[in-house]
Amino acid sequence: MTSHLQIDDRDPTLGAAFSRDNVLRFQTPCRTKALWQLVNSVVPYVLLWIAMVYALEVSYWLVVPLAILAAGFLARIFI
């Protein structure tokens, strides 16, 4: 049984066309998607920093899980 997404070995141009069509969709930037990615990365990061400042007044051990989450968001912002 063959899937409709499989590339036929007998036609070498079919694979190139399939890849080119997939890549063409992502060549034009979308500013709204990019802005949304920035917002849903930077805002939680800043909120976690604020939460860490307040949690530090209560207990150091409350800061540790928040710092781990903030590190994940920092990696997301960096990428």
PDB file of N, CA and C in Angstrom:
ATOM      1  N   MET A   1       0.839  -1.174   0.000  1.00  0.00           N
ATOM      2  CA  MET A   1       0.000   0.000   0.000  1.00  0.00           C
ATOM      3  C   MET A   1       0.890   1.244   0.000  1.00  0.00           C
ATOM      4  N   THR A   2       0.642   2.148  -0.907  1.00  0.00           N
ATOM      5  CA  THR A   2       1.451   3.352  -0.995  1.00  0.00           C
ATOM      6  C   THR A   2       0.632   4.555  -0.558  1.00  0.00           C
ATOM      7  N   SER A   3       1.296   5.480   0.065  1.00  0.00           N
ATOM      8  CA  SER A   3       0.652   6.708   0.510  1.00  0.00           C
ATOM      9  C   SER A   3       0.768   7.754  -0.593  1.00  0.00           C
ATOM     10  N   HIS A   4      -0.132   8.703  -0.596  1.00  0.00           N
ATOM     11  CA  HIS A   4      -0.074   9.752  -1.613  1.00  0.00           C
ATOM     12  C   HIS A   4       1.080  10.719  -1.360  1.00  0.00           C
ATOM     13  N   LEU A   5       1.725  10.657  -0.188  1.00  0.00           N
ATOM     14  CA  LEU A   5       2.852  11.531   0.112  1.00  0.00           C
ATOM     15  C   LEU A   5       4.199  10.916  -0.230  1.00  0.00           C
ATOM     16  N   GLN A   6       4.207   9.646  -0.586  1.00  0.00           N
ATOM     17  CA  GLN A   6       5.470   9.011  -0.927  1.00  0.00           C
ATOM     18  C   GLN A   6       5.974   9.534  -2.267  1.00  0.00           C
ATOM     19  N   ILE A   7       7.272   9.646  -2.366  1.00  0.00           N
ATOM     20  CA  ILE A   7       7.895  10.122  -3.595  1.00  0.00           C
ATOM     21  C   ILE A   7       8.248   8.920  -4.462  1.00  0.00           C
ATOM     22  N   ASP A   8       7.846   8.977  -5.700  1.00  0.00           N
ATOM     23  CA  ASP A   8       8.098   7.884  -6.628  1.00  0.00           C
ATOM     24  C   ASP A   8       9.574   7.889  -7.006  1.00  0.00           C
ATOM     25  N   ASP A   9      10.237   6.739  -6.873  1.00  0.00           N
ATOM     26  CA  ASP A   9      11.661   6.629  -7.184  1.00  0.00           C
ATOM     27  C   ASP A   9      11.936   6.744  -8.682  1.00  0.00           C
ATOM     28  N   ARG A  10      10.951   6.518  -9.498  1.00  0.00           N
ATOM     29  CA  ARG A  10      11.167   6.554 -10.939  1.00  0.00           C
ATOM     30  C   ARG A  10      11.180   7.977 -11.495  1.00  0.00           C
ATOM     31  N   ASP A  11      10.652   8.952 -10.779  1.00  0.00           N
ATOM     32  CA  ASP A  11      10.604  10.330 -11.263  1.00  0.00           C
ATOM     33  C   ASP A  11      11.399  11.226 -10.304  1.00  0.00           C
ATOM     34  N   PRO A  12      12.665  11.520 -10.610  1.00  0.00           N
ATOM     35  CA  PRO A  12      13.500  12.301  -9.680  1.00  0.00           C
ATOM     36  C   PRO A  12      13.039  13.749  -9.524  1.00  0.00           C
ATOM     37  N   THR A  13      12.294  14.294 -10.473  1.00  0.00           N
ATOM     38  CA  THR A  13      11.845  15.680 -10.347  1.00  0.00           C
ATOM     39  C   THR A  13      10.672  15.833  -9.389  1.00  0.00           C
ATOM     40  N   LEU A  14       9.970  14.758  -9.116  1.00  0.00           N
ATOM     41  CA  LEU A  14       8.815  14.829  -8.230  1.00  0.00           C
ATOM     42  C   LEU A  14       9.235  15.210  -6.812  1.00  0.00           C
ATOM     43  N   GLY A  15      10.322  14.666  -6.333  1.00  0.00           N
ATOM     44  CA  GLY A  15      10.810  15.012  -4.997  1.00  0.00           C
ATOM     45  C   GLY A  15      11.220  16.465  -4.903  1.00  0.00           C
ATOM     46  N   ALA A  16      11.860  16.986  -5.936  1.00  0.00           N
ATOM     47  CA  ALA A  16      12.291  18.382  -5.932  1.00  0.00           C
ATOM     48  C   ALA A  16      11.093  19.315  -5.945  1.00  0.00           C
ATOM     49  N   ALA A  17      10.076  18.989  -6.706  1.00  0.00           N
ATOM     50  CA  ALA A  17       8.880  19.832  -6.760  1.00  0.00           C
ATOM     51  C   ALA A  17       8.143  19.790  -5.427  1.00  0.00           C
ATOM     52  N   PHE A  18       8.067  18.636  -4.832  1.00  0.00           N
ATOM     53  CA  PHE A  18       7.390  18.495  -3.543  1.00  0.00           C
ATOM     54  C   PHE A  18       8.097  19.327  -2.488  1.00  0.00           C
ATOM     55  N   SER A  19       9.405  19.302  -2.453  1.00  0.00           N
ATOM     56  CA  SER A  19      10.171  20.082  -1.480  1.00  0.00           C
ATOM     57  C   SER A  19      10.088  21.572  -1.769  1.00  0.00           C
ATOM     58  N   ARG A  20      10.184  21.953  -3.016  1.00  0.00           N
ATOM     59  CA  ARG A  20      10.138  23.360  -3.389  1.00  0.00           C
ATOM     60  C   ARG A  20       8.790  23.971  -3.018  1.00  0.00           C
ATOM     61  N   ASP A  21       7.704  23.256  -3.257  1.00  0.00           N
ATOM     62  CA  ASP A  21       6.377  23.760  -2.907  1.00  0.00           C
ATOM     63  C   ASP A  21       6.233  23.913  -1.394  1.00  0.00           C
ATOM     64  N   ASN A  22       6.804  23.014  -0.648  1.00  0.00           N
ATOM     65  CA  ASN A  22       6.744  23.124   0.803  1.00  0.00           C
ATOM     66  C   ASN A  22       7.525  24.324   1.302  1.00  0.00           C
ATOM     67  N   VAL A  23       8.677  24.576   0.728  1.00  0.00           N
ATOM     68  CA  VAL A  23       9.537  25.668   1.186  1.00  0.00           C
ATOM     69  C   VAL A  23       8.973  27.026   0.767  1.00  0.00           C
ATOM     70  N   LEU A  24       8.340  27.113  -0.371  1.00  0.00           N
ATOM     71  CA  LEU A  24       7.821  28.388  -0.863  1.00  0.00           C
ATOM     72  C   LEU A  24       6.799  29.001   0.095  1.00  0.00           C
ATOM     73  N   ARG A  25       6.062  28.164   0.820  1.00  0.00           N
ATOM     74  CA  ARG A  25       5.067  28.687   1.763  1.00  0.00           C
ATOM     75  C   ARG A  25       5.717  29.483   2.885  1.00  0.00           C
ATOM     76  N   PHE A  26       6.948  29.159   3.235  1.00  0.00           N
ATOM     77  CA  PHE A  26       7.600  29.768   4.387  1.00  0.00           C
ATOM     78  C   PHE A  26       8.613  30.851   4.005  1.00  0.00           C
ATOM     79  N   GLN A  27       8.678  31.233   2.746  1.00  0.00           N
ATOM     80  CA  GLN A  27       9.649  32.233   2.322  1.00  0.00           C
ATOM     81  C   GLN A  27       9.166  33.654   2.540  1.00  0.00           C
ATOM     82  N   THR A  28       7.878  33.860   2.649  1.00  0.00           N
ATOM     83  CA  THR A  28       7.370  35.201   2.902  1.00  0.00           C
ATOM     84  C   THR A  28       7.102  35.347   4.400  1.00  0.00           C
ATOM     85  N   PRO A  29       7.684  36.370   5.023  1.00  0.00           N
ATOM     86  CA  PRO A  29       7.497  36.545   6.464  1.00  0.00           C
ATOM     87  C   PRO A  29       6.094  37.046   6.784  1.00  0.00           C
ATOM     88  N   CYS A  30       5.625  36.674   7.950  1.00  0.00           N
ATOM     89  CA  CYS A  30       4.327  37.132   8.434  1.00  0.00           C
ATOM     90  C   CYS A  30       4.573  37.935   9.712  1.00  0.00           C
ATOM     91  N   ARG A  31       4.386  39.233   9.629  1.00  0.00           N
ATOM     92  CA  ARG A  31       4.687  40.108  10.761  1.00  0.00           C
ATOM     93  C   ARG A  31       3.771  39.849  11.952  1.00  0.00           C
ATOM     94  N   THR A  32       2.525  39.515  11.699  1.00  0.00           N
ATOM     95  CA  THR A  32       1.611  39.283  12.822  1.00  0.00           C
ATOM     96  C   THR A  32       1.998  38.031  13.601  1.00  0.00           C
ATOM     97  N   LYS A  33       2.387  36.982  12.901  1.00  0.00           N
ATOM     98  CA  LYS A  33       2.842  35.766  13.585  1.00  0.00           C
ATOM     99  C   LYS A  33       4.137  36.029  14.351  1.00  0.00           C
ATOM    100  N   ALA A  34       5.037  36.792  13.757  1.00  0.00           N
ATOM    101  CA  ALA A  34       6.300  37.104  14.424  1.00  0.00           C
ATOM    102  C   ALA A  34       6.069  37.947  15.672  1.00  0.00           C
ATOM    103  N   LEU A  35       5.179  38.923  15.571  1.00  0.00           N
ATOM    104  CA  LEU A  35       4.867  39.759  16.726  1.00  0.00           C
ATOM    105  C   LEU A  35       4.216  38.934  17.831  1.00  0.00           C
ATOM    106  N   TRP A  36       3.310  38.048  17.450  1.00  0.00           N
ATOM    107  CA  TRP A  36       2.660  37.194  18.445  1.00  0.00           C
ATOM    108  C   TRP A  36       3.679  36.276  19.126  1.00  0.00           C
ATOM    109  N   GLN A  37       4.634  35.755  18.393  1.00  0.00           N
ATOM    110  CA  GLN A  37       5.674  34.914  18.987  1.00  0.00           C
ATOM    111  C   GLN A  37       6.517  35.715  19.979  1.00  0.00           C
ATOM    112  N   LEU A  38       6.809  36.961  19.657  1.00  0.00           N
ATOM    113  CA  LEU A  38       7.553  37.805  20.588  1.00  0.00           C
ATOM    114  C   LEU A  38       6.739  38.085  21.845  1.00  0.00           C
ATOM    115  N   VAL A  39       5.471  38.398  21.665  1.00  0.00           N
ATOM    116  CA  VAL A  39       4.616  38.707  22.819  1.00  0.00           C
ATOM    117  C   VAL A  39       4.474  37.504  23.730  1.00  0.00           C
ATOM    118  N   ASN A  40       4.194  36.317  23.150  1.00  0.00           N
ATOM    119  CA  ASN A  40       3.975  35.163  24.023  1.00  0.00           C
ATOM    120  C   ASN A  40       5.274  34.535  24.514  1.00  0.00           C
ATOM    121  N   SER A  41       6.398  35.172  24.230  1.00  0.00           N
ATOM    122  CA  SER A  41       7.678  34.754  24.807  1.00  0.00           C
ATOM    123  C   SER A  41       8.205  35.770  25.815  1.00  0.00           C
ATOM    124  N   VAL A  42       8.151  37.045  25.468  1.00  0.00           N
ATOM    125  CA  VAL A  42       8.732  38.086  26.313  1.00  0.00           C
ATOM    126  C   VAL A  42       7.840  38.401  27.513  1.00  0.00           C
ATOM    127  N   VAL A  43       6.540  38.470  27.301  1.00  0.00           N
ATOM    128  CA  VAL A  43       5.629  38.812  28.406  1.00  0.00           C
ATOM    129  C   VAL A  43       5.688  37.779  29.532  1.00  0.00           C
ATOM    130  N   PRO A  44       5.587  36.477  29.257  1.00  0.00           N
ATOM    131  CA  PRO A  44       5.719  35.517  30.367  1.00  0.00           C
ATOM    132  C   PRO A  44       7.094  35.572  31.033  1.00  0.00           C
ATOM    133  N   TYR A  45       8.134  35.848  30.256  1.00  0.00           N
ATOM    134  CA  TYR A  45       9.480  35.949  30.825  1.00  0.00           C
ATOM    135  C   TYR A  45       9.555  37.103  31.833  1.00  0.00           C
ATOM    136  N   VAL A  46       9.022  38.245  31.454  1.00  0.00           N
ATOM    137  CA  VAL A  46       9.023  39.401  32.352  1.00  0.00           C
ATOM    138  C   VAL A  46       8.154  39.128  33.579  1.00  0.00           C
ATOM    139  N   LEU A  47       6.993  38.515  33.369  1.00  0.00           N
ATOM    140  CA  LEU A  47       6.119  38.193  34.496  1.00  0.00           C
ATOM    141  C   LEU A  47       6.775  37.198  35.454  1.00  0.00           C
ATOM    142  N   LEU A  48       7.524  36.250  34.912  1.00  0.00           N
ATOM    143  CA  LEU A  48       8.233  35.321  35.772  1.00  0.00           C
ATOM    144  C   LEU A  48       9.314  36.023  36.579  1.00  0.00           C
ATOM    145  N   TRP A  49       9.994  36.993  35.985  1.00  0.00           N
ATOM    146  CA  TRP A  49      10.996  37.757  36.738  1.00  0.00           C
ATOM    147  C   TRP A  49      10.339  38.518  37.885  1.00  0.00           C
ATOM    148  N   ILE A  50       9.210  39.127  37.618  1.00  0.00           N
ATOM    149  CA  ILE A  50       8.491  39.850  38.675  1.00  0.00           C
ATOM    150  C   ILE A  50       8.047  38.884  39.767  1.00  0.00           C
ATOM    151  N   ALA A  51       7.535  37.717  39.360  1.00  0.00           N
ATOM    152  CA  ALA A  51       7.110  36.714  40.340  1.00  0.00           C
ATOM    153  C   ALA A  51       8.293  36.223  41.169  1.00  0.00           C
ATOM    154  N   MET A  52       9.465  36.109  40.557  1.00  0.00           N
ATOM    155  CA  MET A  52      10.648  35.673  41.301  1.00  0.00           C
ATOM    156  C   MET A  52      11.059  36.700  42.355  1.00  0.00           C
ATOM    157  N   VAL A  53      10.917  37.971  42.037  1.00  0.00           N
ATOM    158  CA  VAL A  53      11.267  39.014  43.010  1.00  0.00           C
ATOM    159  C   VAL A  53      10.358  38.915  44.225  1.00  0.00           C
ATOM    160  N   TYR A  54       9.072  38.745  43.983  1.00  0.00           N
ATOM    161  CA  TYR A  54       8.132  38.630  45.102  1.00  0.00           C
ATOM    162  C   TYR A  54       8.279  37.302  45.831  1.00  0.00           C
ATOM    163  N   ALA A  55       8.573  36.234  45.113  1.00  0.00           N
ATOM    164  CA  ALA A  55       8.740  34.926  45.751  1.00  0.00           C
ATOM    165  C   ALA A  55      10.004  34.886  46.601  1.00  0.00           C
ATOM    166  N   LEU A  56      10.991  35.673  46.254  1.00  0.00           N
ATOM    167  CA  LEU A  56      12.228  35.703  47.031  1.00  0.00           C
ATOM    168  C   LEU A  56      11.994  36.232  48.448  1.00  0.00           C
ATOM    169  N   GLU A  57      10.996  37.093  48.590  1.00  0.00           N
ATOM    170  CA  GLU A  57      10.643  37.600  49.914  1.00  0.00           C
ATOM    171  C   GLU A  57      10.021  36.514  50.783  1.00  0.00           C
ATOM    172  N   VAL A  58       9.395  35.518  50.155  1.00  0.00           N
ATOM    173  CA  VAL A  58       8.744  34.438  50.899  1.00  0.00           C
ATOM    174  C   VAL A  58       9.729  33.312  51.174  1.00  0.00           C
ATOM    175  N   SER A  59      10.288  32.748  50.115  1.00  0.00           N
ATOM    176  CA  SER A  59      11.203  31.629  50.269  1.00  0.00           C
ATOM    177  C   SER A  59      12.057  31.489  49.010  1.00  0.00           C
ATOM    178  N   TYR A  60      13.319  31.130  49.242  1.00  0.00           N
ATOM    179  CA  TYR A  60      14.219  30.903  48.121  1.00  0.00           C
ATOM    180  C   TYR A  60      13.744  29.720  47.278  1.00  0.00           C
ATOM    181  N   TRP A  61      13.133  28.730  47.912  1.00  0.00           N
ATOM    182  CA  TRP A  61      12.714  27.519  47.205  1.00  0.00           C
ATOM    183  C   TRP A  61      11.528  27.766  46.280  1.00  0.00           C
ATOM    184  N   LEU A  62      10.835  28.846  46.452  1.00  0.00           N
ATOM    185  CA  LEU A  62       9.787  29.205  45.495  1.00  0.00           C
ATOM    186  C   LEU A  62      10.377  29.802  44.219  1.00  0.00           C
ATOM    187  N   VAL A  63      11.569  30.352  44.336  1.00  0.00           N
ATOM    188  CA  VAL A  63      12.207  30.994  43.184  1.00  0.00           C
ATOM    189  C   VAL A  63      12.757  29.961  42.206  1.00  0.00           C
ATOM    190  N   VAL A  64      13.198  28.823  42.724  1.00  0.00           N
ATOM    191  CA  VAL A  64      13.862  27.824  41.870  1.00  0.00           C
ATOM    192  C   VAL A  64      12.969  27.342  40.723  1.00  0.00           C
ATOM    193  N   PRO A  65      11.723  26.890  40.980  1.00  0.00           N
ATOM    194  CA  PRO A  65      10.899  26.462  39.828  1.00  0.00           C
ATOM    195  C   PRO A  65      10.573  27.611  38.878  1.00  0.00           C
ATOM    196  N   LEU A  66      10.404  28.803  39.425  1.00  0.00           N
ATOM    197  CA  LEU A  66      10.153  29.953  38.550  1.00  0.00           C
ATOM    198  C   LEU A  66      11.369  30.270  37.688  1.00  0.00           C
ATOM    199  N   ALA A  67      12.553  30.104  38.262  1.00  0.00           N
ATOM    200  CA  ALA A  67      13.781  30.351  37.500  1.00  0.00           C
ATOM    201  C   ALA A  67      13.945  29.325  36.378  1.00  0.00           C
ATOM    202  N   ILE A  68      13.544  28.089  36.635  1.00  0.00           N
ATOM    203  CA  ILE A  68      13.624  27.058  35.590  1.00  0.00           C
ATOM    204  C   ILE A  68      12.684  27.404  34.438  1.00  0.00           C
ATOM    205  N   LEU A  69      11.472  27.837  34.777  1.00  0.00           N
ATOM    206  CA  LEU A  69      10.537  28.261  33.725  1.00  0.00           C
ATOM    207  C   LEU A  69      11.065  29.478  32.973  1.00  0.00           C
ATOM    208  N   ALA A  70      11.627  30.429  33.713  1.00  0.00           N
ATOM    209  CA  ALA A  70      12.173  31.628  33.069  1.00  0.00           C
ATOM    210  C   ALA A  70      13.332  31.266  32.140  1.00  0.00           C
ATOM    211  N   ALA A  71      14.130  30.274  32.532  1.00  0.00           N
ATOM    212  CA  ALA A  71      15.233  29.835  31.672  1.00  0.00           C
ATOM    213  C   ALA A  71      14.702  29.263  30.359  1.00  0.00           C
ATOM    214  N   GLY A  72      13.597  28.548  30.431  1.00  0.00           N
ATOM    215  CA  GLY A  72      12.989  28.023  29.203  1.00  0.00           C
ATOM    216  C   GLY A  72      12.510  29.141  28.288  1.00  0.00           C
ATOM    217  N   PHE A  73      11.883  30.152  28.879  1.00  0.00           N
ATOM    218  CA  PHE A  73      11.440  31.285  28.059  1.00  0.00           C
ATOM    219  C   PHE A  73      12.616  32.082  27.517  1.00  0.00           C
ATOM    220  N   LEU A  74      13.692  32.185  28.290  1.00  0.00           N
ATOM    221  CA  LEU A  74      14.878  32.879  27.799  1.00  0.00           C
ATOM    222  C   LEU A  74      15.476  32.143  26.606  1.00  0.00           C
ATOM    223  N   ALA A  75      15.503  30.828  26.663  1.00  0.00           N
ATOM    224  CA  ALA A  75      15.991  30.044  25.523  1.00  0.00           C
ATOM    225  C   ALA A  75      15.093  30.250  24.308  1.00  0.00           C
ATOM    226  N   ARG A  76      13.782  30.320  24.545  1.00  0.00           N
ATOM    227  CA  ARG A  76      12.833  30.547  23.445  1.00  0.00           C
ATOM    228  C   ARG A  76      13.057  31.925  22.827  1.00  0.00           C
ATOM    229  N   ILE A  77      13.288  32.933  23.669  1.00  0.00           N
ATOM    230  CA  ILE A  77      13.552  34.283  23.157  1.00  0.00           C
ATOM    231  C   ILE A  77      14.848  34.303  22.358  1.00  0.00           C
ATOM    232  N   PHE A  78      15.867  33.614  22.855  1.00  0.00           N
ATOM    233  CA  PHE A  78      17.155  33.578  22.165  1.00  0.00           C
ATOM    234  C   PHE A  78      17.041  32.916  20.806  1.00  0.00           C
ATOM    235  N   ILE A  79      16.298  31.828  20.761  1.00  0.00           N
ATOM    236  CA  ILE A  79      16.166  31.097  19.496  1.00  0.00           C
ATOM    237  C   ILE A  79      15.381  31.921  18.496  1.00  0.00           C
TER     238      ILE A  79
END
